[in-house]
Amino acid sequence: MAKYDVRVRYTFEGTYKVVAEDRDEAERIVTEDCGLVLGGNIHTTRDDDEVTDWRFSSHPDMQILSFRERVGKGKVRYTSMCFSDRIEELRKDIIEAIRQQLDAHGLKKITFTDNEEDPVWIIWFDDNAEPYECYVTGIEVTDKHITVLATIKDSMEEVFCQSPFELGASNIDWLNQMYEAVRLQLENTKGNS
């Protein structure tokens, strides 16, 4: 029998309902005055009229972060890091955040109107696995997937990528940039209407 150090992360996810002047104040209230202590309860030091409610699952999600095998005299034989679950969870979280932004505006898809200024760039691969540099022109979301609409830089051909199958719709860095592009366009549209 071998001894292992198994590093894990427990995550409780939920929502605080906060009364605040703006998003920054709401974030500050939750960061500074709300929390959880292992063996304790979800709590806040704010008054009931400032933090009106919260809802959290009583069972956390668990992620295995690493394995470390120990041999004689506690020496570490090897360490194995586990990233795939965390990457997949982050990918799903970003796609869900994009979906929520669009839902909040009654949309299922968005077309980027100001692509010339600072477009989101991705790599799209054709059927022969040839890579093409593309800029994102739109996003469409369904219950389970995201479709990224793009234009090839050189030929101006329109293409699309679908998650989770293609890099252009699954790379977490590109998805984060798409999230920011959606956020900025929706904020600017709201301000102009």
N, C-alpha and C. Protein backbone atom coordinates (compact mmCIF):
# COMPACT_ATOMS: atom_id res chain seq x y z
N MET A 1 0.84 -1.19 0.00
CA MET A 1 0.00 0.00 0.00
C MET A 1 0.88 1.25 0.00
N ALA A 2 0.48 2.25 -0.79
CA ALA A 2 1.23 3.50 -0.87
C ALA A 2 0.45 4.60 -0.16
N LYS A 3 1.16 5.65 0.23
CA LYS A 3 0.52 6.81 0.84
C LYS A 3 0.48 7.94 -0.19
N TYR A 4 -0.66 8.64 -0.23
CA TYR A 4 -0.84 9.72 -1.19
C TYR A 4 -1.33 10.97 -0.46
N ASP A 5 -0.82 12.10 -0.86
CA ASP A 5 -1.42 13.38 -0.49
C ASP A 5 -2.32 13.76 -1.67
N VAL A 6 -3.61 13.85 -1.43
CA VAL A 6 -4.55 14.22 -2.49
C VAL A 6 -5.06 15.62 -2.16
N ARG A 7 -4.64 16.59 -2.96
CA ARG A 7 -5.04 17.98 -2.75
C ARG A 7 -6.37 18.23 -3.43
N VAL A 8 -7.32 18.80 -2.71
CA VAL A 8 -8.66 19.03 -3.25
C VAL A 8 -9.09 20.46 -3.01
N ARG A 9 -10.09 20.87 -3.74
CA ARG A 9 -10.71 22.19 -3.53
C ARG A 9 -12.22 21.97 -3.42
N TYR A 10 -12.82 22.48 -2.36
CA TYR A 10 -14.27 22.45 -2.21
C TYR A 10 -14.80 23.84 -2.58
N THR A 11 -15.84 23.86 -3.39
CA THR A 11 -16.39 25.13 -3.85
C THR A 11 -17.87 25.18 -3.52
N PHE A 12 -18.26 26.22 -2.79
CA PHE A 12 -19.66 26.50 -2.56
C PHE A 12 -20.02 27.67 -3.47
N GLU A 13 -21.06 27.52 -4.23
CA GLU A 13 -21.47 28.59 -5.13
C GLU A 13 -22.87 29.02 -4.78
N GLY A 14 -23.09 30.31 -4.78
CA GLY A 14 -24.41 30.82 -4.47
C GLY A 14 -24.51 32.29 -4.83
N THR A 15 -25.57 32.94 -4.33
CA THR A 15 -25.84 34.32 -4.68
C THR A 15 -26.22 35.11 -3.43
N TYR A 16 -25.61 36.28 -3.28
CA TYR A 16 -26.03 37.25 -2.27
C TYR A 16 -26.90 38.28 -2.95
N LYS A 17 -28.00 38.68 -2.30
CA LYS A 17 -28.81 39.78 -2.79
C LYS A 17 -28.39 41.02 -2.00
N VAL A 18 -27.87 42.02 -2.72
CA VAL A 18 -27.24 43.18 -2.09
C VAL A 18 -27.90 44.46 -2.60
N VAL A 19 -28.14 45.39 -1.69
CA VAL A 19 -28.63 46.71 -2.06
C VAL A 19 -27.42 47.63 -2.07
N ALA A 20 -27.12 48.23 -3.23
CA ALA A 20 -25.93 49.06 -3.38
C ALA A 20 -26.17 50.13 -4.43
N GLU A 21 -25.32 51.16 -4.41
CA GLU A 21 -25.41 52.25 -5.39
C GLU A 21 -25.03 51.78 -6.79
N ASP A 22 -24.01 50.90 -6.90
CA ASP A 22 -23.54 50.43 -8.20
C ASP A 22 -22.86 49.07 -8.03
N ARG A 23 -22.38 48.53 -9.14
CA ARG A 23 -21.75 47.22 -9.17
C ARG A 23 -20.51 47.19 -8.29
N ASP A 24 -19.70 48.25 -8.30
CA ASP A 24 -18.48 48.29 -7.49
C ASP A 24 -18.79 48.22 -6.00
N GLU A 25 -19.80 48.95 -5.57
CA GLU A 25 -20.17 48.91 -4.16
C GLU A 25 -20.71 47.53 -3.77
N ALA A 26 -21.51 46.94 -4.65
CA ALA A 26 -22.04 45.60 -4.38
C ALA A 26 -20.89 44.60 -4.23
N GLU A 27 -19.90 44.69 -5.12
CA GLU A 27 -18.75 43.80 -5.03
C GLU A 27 -17.98 44.03 -3.72
N ARG A 28 -17.79 45.29 -3.35
CA ARG A 28 -17.06 45.61 -2.12
C ARG A 28 -17.79 45.07 -0.89
N ILE A 29 -19.11 45.22 -0.85
CA ILE A 29 -19.91 44.73 0.28
C ILE A 29 -19.72 43.23 0.43
N VAL A 30 -19.84 42.49 -0.67
CA VAL A 30 -19.72 41.03 -0.60
C VAL A 30 -18.29 40.63 -0.25
N THR A 31 -17.30 41.29 -0.86
CA THR A 31 -15.90 40.94 -0.60
C THR A 31 -15.51 41.21 0.85
N GLU A 32 -15.92 42.34 1.37
CA GLU A 32 -15.48 42.75 2.70
C GLU A 32 -16.36 42.25 3.83
N ASP A 33 -17.66 42.05 3.58
CA ASP A 33 -18.58 41.82 4.69
C ASP A 33 -19.40 40.55 4.61
N CYS A 34 -19.12 39.67 3.67
CA CYS A 34 -19.85 38.42 3.57
C CYS A 34 -18.84 37.28 3.52
N GLY A 35 -19.22 36.11 4.05
CA GLY A 35 -18.26 35.03 4.02
C GLY A 35 -18.79 33.71 4.53
N LEU A 36 -17.86 32.78 4.65
CA LEU A 36 -18.13 31.43 5.13
C LEU A 36 -16.89 30.94 5.84
N VAL A 37 -17.09 30.34 7.00
CA VAL A 37 -16.00 29.73 7.74
C VAL A 37 -16.30 28.24 7.83
N LEU A 38 -15.31 27.41 7.53
CA LEU A 38 -15.50 25.96 7.60
C LEU A 38 -16.00 25.59 9.00
N GLY A 39 -17.08 24.86 9.05
CA GLY A 39 -17.69 24.50 10.32
C GLY A 39 -18.70 25.53 10.79
N GLY A 40 -18.83 26.62 10.05
CA GLY A 40 -19.78 27.68 10.41
C GLY A 40 -20.86 27.81 9.36
N ASN A 41 -21.40 28.97 9.26
CA ASN A 41 -22.49 29.23 8.32
C ASN A 41 -22.12 30.37 7.37
N ILE A 42 -22.88 30.49 6.28
CA ILE A 42 -22.79 31.67 5.43
C ILE A 42 -23.24 32.84 6.30
N HIS A 43 -22.54 33.96 6.23
CA HIS A 43 -22.89 35.06 7.10
C HIS A 43 -22.52 36.40 6.46
N THR A 44 -23.01 37.47 7.09
CA THR A 44 -22.64 38.81 6.70
C THR A 44 -22.59 39.68 7.95
N THR A 45 -21.78 40.71 7.93
CA THR A 45 -21.73 41.67 9.02
C THR A 45 -22.58 42.91 8.69
N ARG A 46 -23.20 42.91 7.52
CA ARG A 46 -24.06 44.03 7.09
C ARG A 46 -25.46 43.88 7.67
N ASP A 47 -26.20 44.97 7.66
CA ASP A 47 -27.59 44.96 8.13
C ASP A 47 -28.48 44.24 7.12
N ASP A 48 -29.66 43.81 7.60
CA ASP A 48 -30.62 43.08 6.75
C ASP A 48 -31.12 43.90 5.57
N ASP A 49 -31.11 45.22 5.67
CA ASP A 49 -31.57 46.04 4.55
C ASP A 49 -30.47 46.24 3.51
N GLU A 50 -29.22 45.84 3.82
CA GLU A 50 -28.12 45.95 2.86
C GLU A 50 -27.86 44.62 2.15
N VAL A 51 -27.81 43.54 2.90
CA VAL A 51 -27.71 42.18 2.33
C VAL A 51 -29.01 41.50 2.71
N THR A 52 -29.93 41.43 1.75
CA THR A 52 -31.30 41.02 2.05
C THR A 52 -31.51 39.52 2.09
N ASP A 53 -30.65 38.76 1.41
CA ASP A 53 -30.84 37.31 1.36
C ASP A 53 -29.62 36.67 0.74
N TRP A 54 -29.50 35.35 0.89
CA TRP A 54 -28.49 34.58 0.17
C TRP A 54 -28.98 33.16 -0.01
N ARG A 55 -28.52 32.56 -1.07
CA ARG A 55 -28.86 31.17 -1.38
C ARG A 55 -27.60 30.44 -1.82
N PHE A 56 -27.25 29.42 -1.08
CA PHE A 56 -26.09 28.59 -1.39
C PHE A 56 -26.46 27.13 -1.19
N SER A 57 -25.91 26.28 -2.01
CA SER A 57 -26.08 24.85 -1.83
C SER A 57 -25.36 24.44 -0.55
N SER A 58 -25.89 23.46 0.15
CA SER A 58 -25.21 22.97 1.36
C SER A 58 -24.15 21.93 1.05
N HIS A 59 -24.08 21.50 -0.19
CA HIS A 59 -23.08 20.52 -0.61
C HIS A 59 -22.13 21.15 -1.62
N PRO A 60 -20.83 21.14 -1.33
CA PRO A 60 -19.88 21.78 -2.24
C PRO A 60 -19.55 20.91 -3.43
N ASP A 61 -19.05 21.56 -4.49
CA ASP A 61 -18.43 20.83 -5.58
C ASP A 61 -17.00 20.53 -5.15
N MET A 62 -16.49 19.38 -5.54
CA MET A 62 -15.13 19.02 -5.18
C MET A 62 -14.29 18.85 -6.43
N GLN A 63 -13.09 19.40 -6.40
CA GLN A 63 -12.15 19.23 -7.50
C GLN A 63 -10.87 18.62 -6.95
N ILE A 64 -10.36 17.61 -7.63
CA ILE A 64 -9.05 17.06 -7.29
C ILE A 64 -8.01 17.95 -7.96
N LEU A 65 -7.10 18.50 -7.19
CA LEU A 65 -6.09 19.40 -7.73
C LEU A 65 -4.79 18.67 -8.05
N SER A 66 -4.39 17.74 -7.19
CA SER A 66 -3.13 17.03 -7.45
C SER A 66 -3.05 15.77 -6.59
N PHE A 67 -2.18 14.87 -7.04
CA PHE A 67 -1.82 13.67 -6.29
C PHE A 67 -0.32 13.72 -6.04
N ARG A 68 0.10 13.34 -4.87
CA ARG A 68 1.51 13.28 -4.56
C ARG A 68 1.75 11.96 -3.83
N GLU A 69 2.52 11.08 -4.44
CA GLU A 69 2.80 9.79 -3.82
C GLU A 69 4.02 9.93 -2.91
N ARG A 70 3.87 9.40 -1.71
CA ARG A 70 4.96 9.43 -0.74
C ARG A 70 5.51 8.02 -0.58
N VAL A 71 6.82 7.92 -0.53
CA VAL A 71 7.48 6.63 -0.32
C VAL A 71 8.24 6.70 0.99
N GLY A 72 9.08 5.75 1.24
CA GLY A 72 9.82 5.66 2.49
C GLY A 72 10.30 6.99 3.03
N LYS A 73 10.12 7.22 4.34
CA LYS A 73 10.54 8.42 5.06
C LYS A 73 9.88 9.69 4.53
N GLY A 74 8.70 9.55 3.93
CA GLY A 74 7.93 10.70 3.50
C GLY A 74 8.42 11.39 2.25
N LYS A 75 9.40 10.82 1.55
CA LYS A 75 9.89 11.43 0.32
C LYS A 75 8.81 11.38 -0.76
N VAL A 76 8.76 12.44 -1.55
CA VAL A 76 7.77 12.51 -2.63
C VAL A 76 8.32 11.75 -3.83
N ARG A 77 7.55 10.78 -4.30
CA ARG A 77 7.95 10.01 -5.47
C ARG A 77 7.58 10.73 -6.76
N TYR A 78 6.37 11.23 -6.83
CA TYR A 78 5.93 12.02 -7.98
C TYR A 78 4.73 12.86 -7.59
N THR A 79 4.50 13.89 -8.39
CA THR A 79 3.32 14.73 -8.23
C THR A 79 2.59 14.75 -9.57
N SER A 80 1.29 14.58 -9.50
CA SER A 80 0.46 14.63 -10.70
C SER A 80 -0.57 15.72 -10.51
N MET A 81 -0.52 16.74 -11.36
CA MET A 81 -1.48 17.84 -11.29
C MET A 81 -2.69 17.51 -12.17
N CYS A 82 -3.83 17.97 -11.77
CA CYS A 82 -5.07 17.71 -12.52
C CYS A 82 -5.68 19.05 -12.94
N PHE A 83 -5.66 19.34 -14.23
CA PHE A 83 -6.18 20.62 -14.72
C PHE A 83 -7.44 20.47 -15.57
N SER A 84 -7.66 19.32 -16.17
CA SER A 84 -8.73 19.19 -17.17
C SER A 84 -10.10 19.53 -16.62
N ASP A 85 -10.44 19.09 -15.41
CA ASP A 85 -11.75 19.40 -14.84
C ASP A 85 -11.92 20.89 -14.60
N ARG A 86 -10.85 21.53 -14.10
CA ARG A 86 -10.93 22.97 -13.82
C ARG A 86 -11.04 23.76 -15.11
N ILE A 87 -10.31 23.36 -16.14
CA ILE A 87 -10.38 24.05 -17.43
C ILE A 87 -11.78 23.91 -18.02
N GLU A 88 -12.33 22.71 -17.98
CA GLU A 88 -13.67 22.49 -18.52
C GLU A 88 -14.71 23.29 -17.73
N GLU A 89 -14.55 23.36 -16.42
CA GLU A 89 -15.48 24.13 -15.60
C GLU A 89 -15.39 25.61 -15.94
N LEU A 90 -14.18 26.11 -16.12
CA LEU A 90 -13.99 27.52 -16.48
C LEU A 90 -14.60 27.80 -17.86
N ARG A 91 -14.39 26.89 -18.80
CA ARG A 91 -14.98 27.06 -20.14
C ARG A 91 -16.50 27.16 -20.03
N LYS A 92 -17.11 26.26 -19.27
CA LYS A 92 -18.57 26.28 -19.10
C LYS A 92 -19.03 27.56 -18.41
N ASP A 93 -18.25 28.03 -17.42
CA ASP A 93 -18.62 29.26 -16.71
C ASP A 93 -18.60 30.47 -17.65
N ILE A 94 -17.59 30.55 -18.51
CA ILE A 94 -17.51 31.70 -19.43
C ILE A 94 -18.66 31.66 -20.44
N ILE A 95 -18.92 30.49 -20.99
CA ILE A 95 -20.04 30.35 -21.94
C ILE A 95 -21.36 30.70 -21.25
N GLU A 96 -21.53 30.24 -20.01
CA GLU A 96 -22.75 30.57 -19.26
C GLU A 96 -22.85 32.06 -19.00
N ALA A 97 -21.73 32.72 -18.73
CA ALA A 97 -21.74 34.16 -18.51
C ALA A 97 -22.14 34.91 -19.77
N ILE A 98 -21.66 34.44 -20.92
CA ILE A 98 -22.06 35.04 -22.21
C ILE A 98 -23.56 34.83 -22.41
N ARG A 99 -24.04 33.61 -22.14
CA ARG A 99 -25.46 33.31 -22.29
C ARG A 99 -26.30 34.22 -21.39
N GLN A 100 -25.88 34.41 -20.14
CA GLN A 100 -26.63 35.25 -19.22
C GLN A 100 -26.67 36.71 -19.67
N GLN A 101 -25.55 37.19 -20.21
CA GLN A 101 -25.54 38.57 -20.73
C GLN A 101 -26.55 38.73 -21.85
N LEU A 102 -26.53 37.78 -22.78
CA LEU A 102 -27.46 37.86 -23.90
C LEU A 102 -28.91 37.71 -23.43
N ASP A 103 -29.15 36.75 -22.51
CA ASP A 103 -30.51 36.55 -21.98
C ASP A 103 -31.03 37.82 -21.30
N ALA A 104 -30.16 38.51 -20.59
CA ALA A 104 -30.56 39.74 -19.88
C ALA A 104 -31.05 40.80 -20.86
N HIS A 105 -30.63 40.70 -22.12
CA HIS A 105 -31.06 41.65 -23.15
C HIS A 105 -32.04 41.01 -24.14
N GLY A 106 -32.56 39.82 -23.79
CA GLY A 106 -33.53 39.15 -24.64
C GLY A 106 -32.95 38.64 -25.95
N LEU A 107 -31.66 38.33 -25.95
CA LEU A 107 -30.98 37.89 -27.17
C LEU A 107 -30.50 36.44 -27.07
N LYS A 108 -30.39 35.80 -28.21
CA LYS A 108 -29.75 34.48 -28.32
C LYS A 108 -28.46 34.58 -29.12
N LYS A 109 -28.32 35.69 -29.86
CA LYS A 109 -27.09 35.89 -30.62
C LYS A 109 -26.79 37.38 -30.69
N ILE A 110 -25.53 37.65 -31.02
CA ILE A 110 -25.09 39.04 -31.12
C ILE A 110 -24.13 39.15 -32.30
N THR A 111 -24.21 40.27 -33.01
CA THR A 111 -23.28 40.57 -34.08
C THR A 111 -22.45 41.76 -33.63
N PHE A 112 -21.14 41.65 -33.76
CA PHE A 112 -20.27 42.74 -33.34
C PHE A 112 -20.26 43.82 -34.41
N THR A 113 -20.62 45.02 -34.00
CA THR A 113 -20.76 46.12 -34.95
C THR A 113 -19.49 46.94 -35.12
N ASP A 114 -18.57 46.85 -34.14
CA ASP A 114 -17.37 47.69 -34.19
C ASP A 114 -16.13 46.81 -34.21
N ASN A 115 -16.05 45.91 -35.19
CA ASN A 115 -14.95 44.95 -35.26
C ASN A 115 -13.62 45.56 -35.69
N GLU A 116 -13.66 46.69 -36.37
CA GLU A 116 -12.41 47.26 -36.87
C GLU A 116 -11.51 47.77 -35.74
N GLU A 117 -12.12 48.24 -34.67
CA GLU A 117 -11.34 48.88 -33.61
C GLU A 117 -10.49 47.89 -32.82
N ASP A 118 -11.07 46.85 -32.27
CA ASP A 118 -10.32 45.88 -31.46
C ASP A 118 -11.03 44.53 -31.49
N PRO A 119 -10.92 43.81 -32.60
CA PRO A 119 -11.66 42.54 -32.72
C PRO A 119 -11.03 41.44 -31.86
N VAL A 120 -11.83 40.42 -31.61
CA VAL A 120 -11.34 39.21 -30.96
C VAL A 120 -10.82 38.30 -32.07
N TRP A 121 -9.57 37.86 -31.93
CA TRP A 121 -8.95 37.00 -32.94
C TRP A 121 -8.95 35.56 -32.48
N ILE A 122 -9.25 34.64 -33.41
CA ILE A 122 -9.21 33.20 -33.14
C ILE A 122 -8.51 32.52 -34.32
N ILE A 123 -8.23 31.24 -34.13
CA ILE A 123 -7.72 30.41 -35.23
C ILE A 123 -8.81 29.41 -35.58
N TRP A 124 -9.16 29.35 -36.86
CA TRP A 124 -10.14 28.39 -37.37
C TRP A 124 -9.40 27.40 -38.26
N PHE A 125 -9.78 26.13 -38.17
CA PHE A 125 -9.15 25.08 -38.97
C PHE A 125 -10.16 24.54 -39.97
N ASP A 126 -9.73 24.44 -41.25
CA ASP A 126 -10.62 23.88 -42.27
C ASP A 126 -10.59 22.35 -42.20
N ASP A 127 -11.28 21.68 -43.14
CA ASP A 127 -11.37 20.21 -43.13
C ASP A 127 -10.02 19.53 -43.34
N ASN A 128 -9.05 20.24 -43.86
CA ASN A 128 -7.71 19.69 -44.06
C ASN A 128 -6.76 20.07 -42.92
N ALA A 129 -7.32 20.60 -41.84
CA ALA A 129 -6.56 21.02 -40.66
C ALA A 129 -5.62 22.18 -40.94
N GLU A 130 -5.95 22.98 -41.94
CA GLU A 130 -5.18 24.18 -42.24
C GLU A 130 -5.69 25.31 -41.34
N PRO A 131 -4.78 26.00 -40.63
CA PRO A 131 -5.22 27.08 -39.74
C PRO A 131 -5.41 28.41 -40.48
N TYR A 132 -6.39 29.17 -40.05
CA TYR A 132 -6.66 30.49 -40.62
C TYR A 132 -6.91 31.48 -39.48
N GLU A 133 -6.27 32.63 -39.57
CA GLU A 133 -6.49 33.68 -38.60
C GLU A 133 -7.80 34.38 -38.94
N CYS A 134 -8.68 34.47 -37.93
CA CYS A 134 -10.01 35.04 -38.15
C CYS A 134 -10.34 36.04 -37.05
N TYR A 135 -11.23 36.98 -37.38
CA TYR A 135 -11.77 37.84 -36.34
C TYR A 135 -13.24 37.49 -36.14
N VAL A 136 -13.65 37.55 -34.88
CA VAL A 136 -15.00 37.16 -34.50
C VAL A 136 -15.99 38.25 -34.91
N THR A 137 -17.06 37.84 -35.60
CA THR A 137 -18.08 38.80 -36.04
C THR A 137 -19.40 38.62 -35.29
N GLY A 138 -19.56 37.50 -34.59
CA GLY A 138 -20.80 37.27 -33.85
C GLY A 138 -20.73 36.01 -33.02
N ILE A 139 -21.71 35.88 -32.13
CA ILE A 139 -21.81 34.73 -31.24
C ILE A 139 -23.28 34.35 -31.14
N GLU A 140 -23.53 33.05 -31.15
CA GLU A 140 -24.88 32.53 -30.94
C GLU A 140 -24.81 31.46 -29.85
N VAL A 141 -25.75 31.48 -28.90
CA VAL A 141 -25.74 30.51 -27.81
C VAL A 141 -27.01 29.67 -27.84
N THR A 142 -26.85 28.41 -27.46
CA THR A 142 -27.98 27.51 -27.24
C THR A 142 -27.86 27.02 -25.80
N ASP A 143 -28.71 26.08 -25.42
CA ASP A 143 -28.66 25.58 -24.05
C ASP A 143 -27.32 24.94 -23.71
N LYS A 144 -26.70 24.29 -24.66
CA LYS A 144 -25.47 23.54 -24.36
C LYS A 144 -24.23 24.05 -25.07
N HIS A 145 -24.38 24.83 -26.11
CA HIS A 145 -23.22 25.18 -26.94
C HIS A 145 -23.17 26.66 -27.25
N ILE A 146 -22.01 27.03 -27.77
CA ILE A 146 -21.82 28.38 -28.29
C ILE A 146 -21.30 28.21 -29.72
N THR A 147 -21.80 29.02 -30.62
CA THR A 147 -21.31 29.05 -31.99
C THR A 147 -20.66 30.41 -32.22
N VAL A 148 -19.42 30.37 -32.67
CA VAL A 148 -18.67 31.59 -32.92
C VAL A 148 -18.65 31.83 -34.43
N LEU A 149 -19.14 32.98 -34.85
CA LEU A 149 -19.12 33.37 -36.26
C LEU A 149 -17.88 34.23 -36.48
N ALA A 150 -17.13 33.94 -37.54
CA ALA A 150 -15.87 34.64 -37.75
C ALA A 150 -15.65 34.87 -39.24
N THR A 151 -14.71 35.76 -39.54
CA THR A 151 -14.32 36.04 -40.91
C THR A 151 -12.81 35.83 -41.03
N ILE A 152 -12.43 35.06 -42.05
CA ILE A 152 -11.00 34.81 -42.29
C ILE A 152 -10.35 36.12 -42.72
N LYS A 153 -9.24 36.43 -42.09
CA LYS A 153 -8.56 37.71 -42.32
C LYS A 153 -8.18 37.93 -43.78
N ASP A 154 -7.60 36.92 -44.43
CA ASP A 154 -7.09 37.10 -45.79
C ASP A 154 -8.16 37.02 -46.88
N SER A 155 -9.04 36.02 -46.79
CA SER A 155 -10.01 35.81 -47.87
C SER A 155 -11.36 36.47 -47.62
N MET A 156 -11.60 36.93 -46.36
CA MET A 156 -12.88 37.52 -45.96
C MET A 156 -14.04 36.52 -46.04
N GLU A 157 -13.72 35.22 -46.08
CA GLU A 157 -14.74 34.17 -46.07
C GLU A 157 -15.31 34.04 -44.66
N GLU A 158 -16.62 33.88 -44.58
CA GLU A 158 -17.26 33.69 -43.28
C GLU A 158 -17.22 32.21 -42.89
N VAL A 159 -16.87 31.95 -41.64
CA VAL A 159 -16.78 30.58 -41.11
C VAL A 159 -17.44 30.56 -39.73
N PHE A 160 -17.61 29.36 -39.18
CA PHE A 160 -18.13 29.28 -37.82
C PHE A 160 -17.44 28.14 -37.08
N CYS A 161 -17.39 28.27 -35.75
CA CYS A 161 -16.83 27.25 -34.86
C CYS A 161 -17.89 26.95 -33.81
N GLN A 162 -17.99 25.68 -33.44
CA GLN A 162 -18.97 25.28 -32.45
C GLN A 162 -18.29 24.61 -31.28
N SER A 163 -18.71 24.97 -30.07
CA SER A 163 -18.16 24.31 -28.89
C SER A 163 -18.88 22.98 -28.70
N PRO A 164 -18.28 22.03 -28.04
CA PRO A 164 -16.92 22.00 -27.54
C PRO A 164 -15.94 21.41 -28.55
N PHE A 165 -16.33 21.35 -29.80
CA PHE A 165 -15.58 20.59 -30.78
C PHE A 165 -14.41 21.34 -31.42
N GLU A 166 -14.50 22.64 -31.51
CA GLU A 166 -13.49 23.39 -32.25
C GLU A 166 -12.79 24.41 -31.36
N LEU A 167 -11.51 24.57 -31.60
CA LEU A 167 -10.68 25.45 -30.79
C LEU A 167 -11.22 26.87 -30.72
N GLY A 168 -11.70 27.39 -31.83
CA GLY A 168 -12.19 28.77 -31.87
C GLY A 168 -13.35 29.03 -30.94
N ALA A 169 -14.07 27.98 -30.53
CA ALA A 169 -15.21 28.13 -29.62
C ALA A 169 -14.96 27.46 -28.28
N SER A 170 -13.72 27.03 -28.03
CA SER A 170 -13.47 26.35 -26.76
C SER A 170 -12.24 26.86 -26.02
N ASN A 171 -11.36 27.61 -26.68
CA ASN A 171 -10.17 28.15 -26.04
C ASN A 171 -10.61 29.16 -24.97
N ILE A 172 -10.21 28.94 -23.71
CA ILE A 172 -10.74 29.77 -22.62
C ILE A 172 -10.26 31.21 -22.69
N ASP A 173 -9.07 31.45 -23.21
CA ASP A 173 -8.61 32.83 -23.34
C ASP A 173 -9.45 33.57 -24.39
N TRP A 174 -9.70 32.94 -25.53
CA TRP A 174 -10.53 33.56 -26.57
C TRP A 174 -11.96 33.75 -26.08
N LEU A 175 -12.49 32.75 -25.36
CA LEU A 175 -13.85 32.88 -24.82
C LEU A 175 -13.94 34.07 -23.86
N ASN A 176 -12.91 34.25 -23.04
CA ASN A 176 -12.90 35.38 -22.12
C ASN A 176 -12.92 36.70 -22.89
N GLN A 177 -12.15 36.79 -23.98
CA GLN A 177 -12.16 37.99 -24.80
C GLN A 177 -13.54 38.20 -25.44
N MET A 178 -14.18 37.12 -25.85
CA MET A 178 -15.53 37.23 -26.42
C MET A 178 -16.52 37.71 -25.36
N TYR A 179 -16.39 37.19 -24.15
CA TYR A 179 -17.24 37.65 -23.05
C TYR A 179 -17.11 39.16 -22.87
N GLU A 180 -15.87 39.65 -22.84
CA GLU A 180 -15.63 41.09 -22.67
C GLU A 180 -16.19 41.88 -23.85
N ALA A 181 -16.06 41.35 -25.06
CA ALA A 181 -16.60 42.04 -26.24
C ALA A 181 -18.13 42.13 -26.17
N VAL A 182 -18.77 41.04 -25.74
CA VAL A 182 -20.23 41.05 -25.59
C VAL A 182 -20.62 42.07 -24.52
N ARG A 183 -19.94 42.02 -23.39
CA ARG A 183 -20.24 42.95 -22.29
C ARG A 183 -20.13 44.40 -22.75
N LEU A 184 -19.02 44.73 -23.40
CA LEU A 184 -18.80 46.10 -23.85
C LEU A 184 -19.84 46.55 -24.88
N GLN A 185 -20.15 45.67 -25.83
CA GLN A 185 -21.13 46.06 -26.85
C GLN A 185 -22.51 46.26 -26.23
N LEU A 186 -22.90 45.36 -25.33
CA LEU A 186 -24.22 45.50 -24.71
C LEU A 186 -24.29 46.74 -23.83
N GLU A 187 -23.21 47.06 -23.12
CA GLU A 187 -23.19 48.27 -22.30
C GLU A 187 -23.27 49.51 -23.17
N ASN A 188 -22.53 49.53 -24.29
CA ASN A 188 -22.56 50.69 -25.18
C ASN A 188 -23.91 50.83 -25.86
N THR A 189 -24.52 49.69 -26.25
CA THR A 189 -25.84 49.72 -26.89
C THR A 189 -26.88 50.26 -25.93
N LYS A 190 -26.79 49.80 -24.66
CA LYS A 190 -27.75 50.24 -23.65
C LYS A 190 -27.62 51.74 -23.42
N GLY A 191 -26.37 52.21 -23.40
CA GLY A 191 -26.14 53.64 -23.18
C GLY A 191 -26.62 54.50 -24.33
N ASN A 192 -26.65 53.94 -25.54
CA ASN A 192 -27.05 54.72 -26.72
C ASN A 192 -28.54 54.68 -26.99
N SER A 193 -29.25 53.77 -26.34
CA SER A 193 -30.68 53.65 -26.65
C SER A 193 -31.54 54.48 -25.74
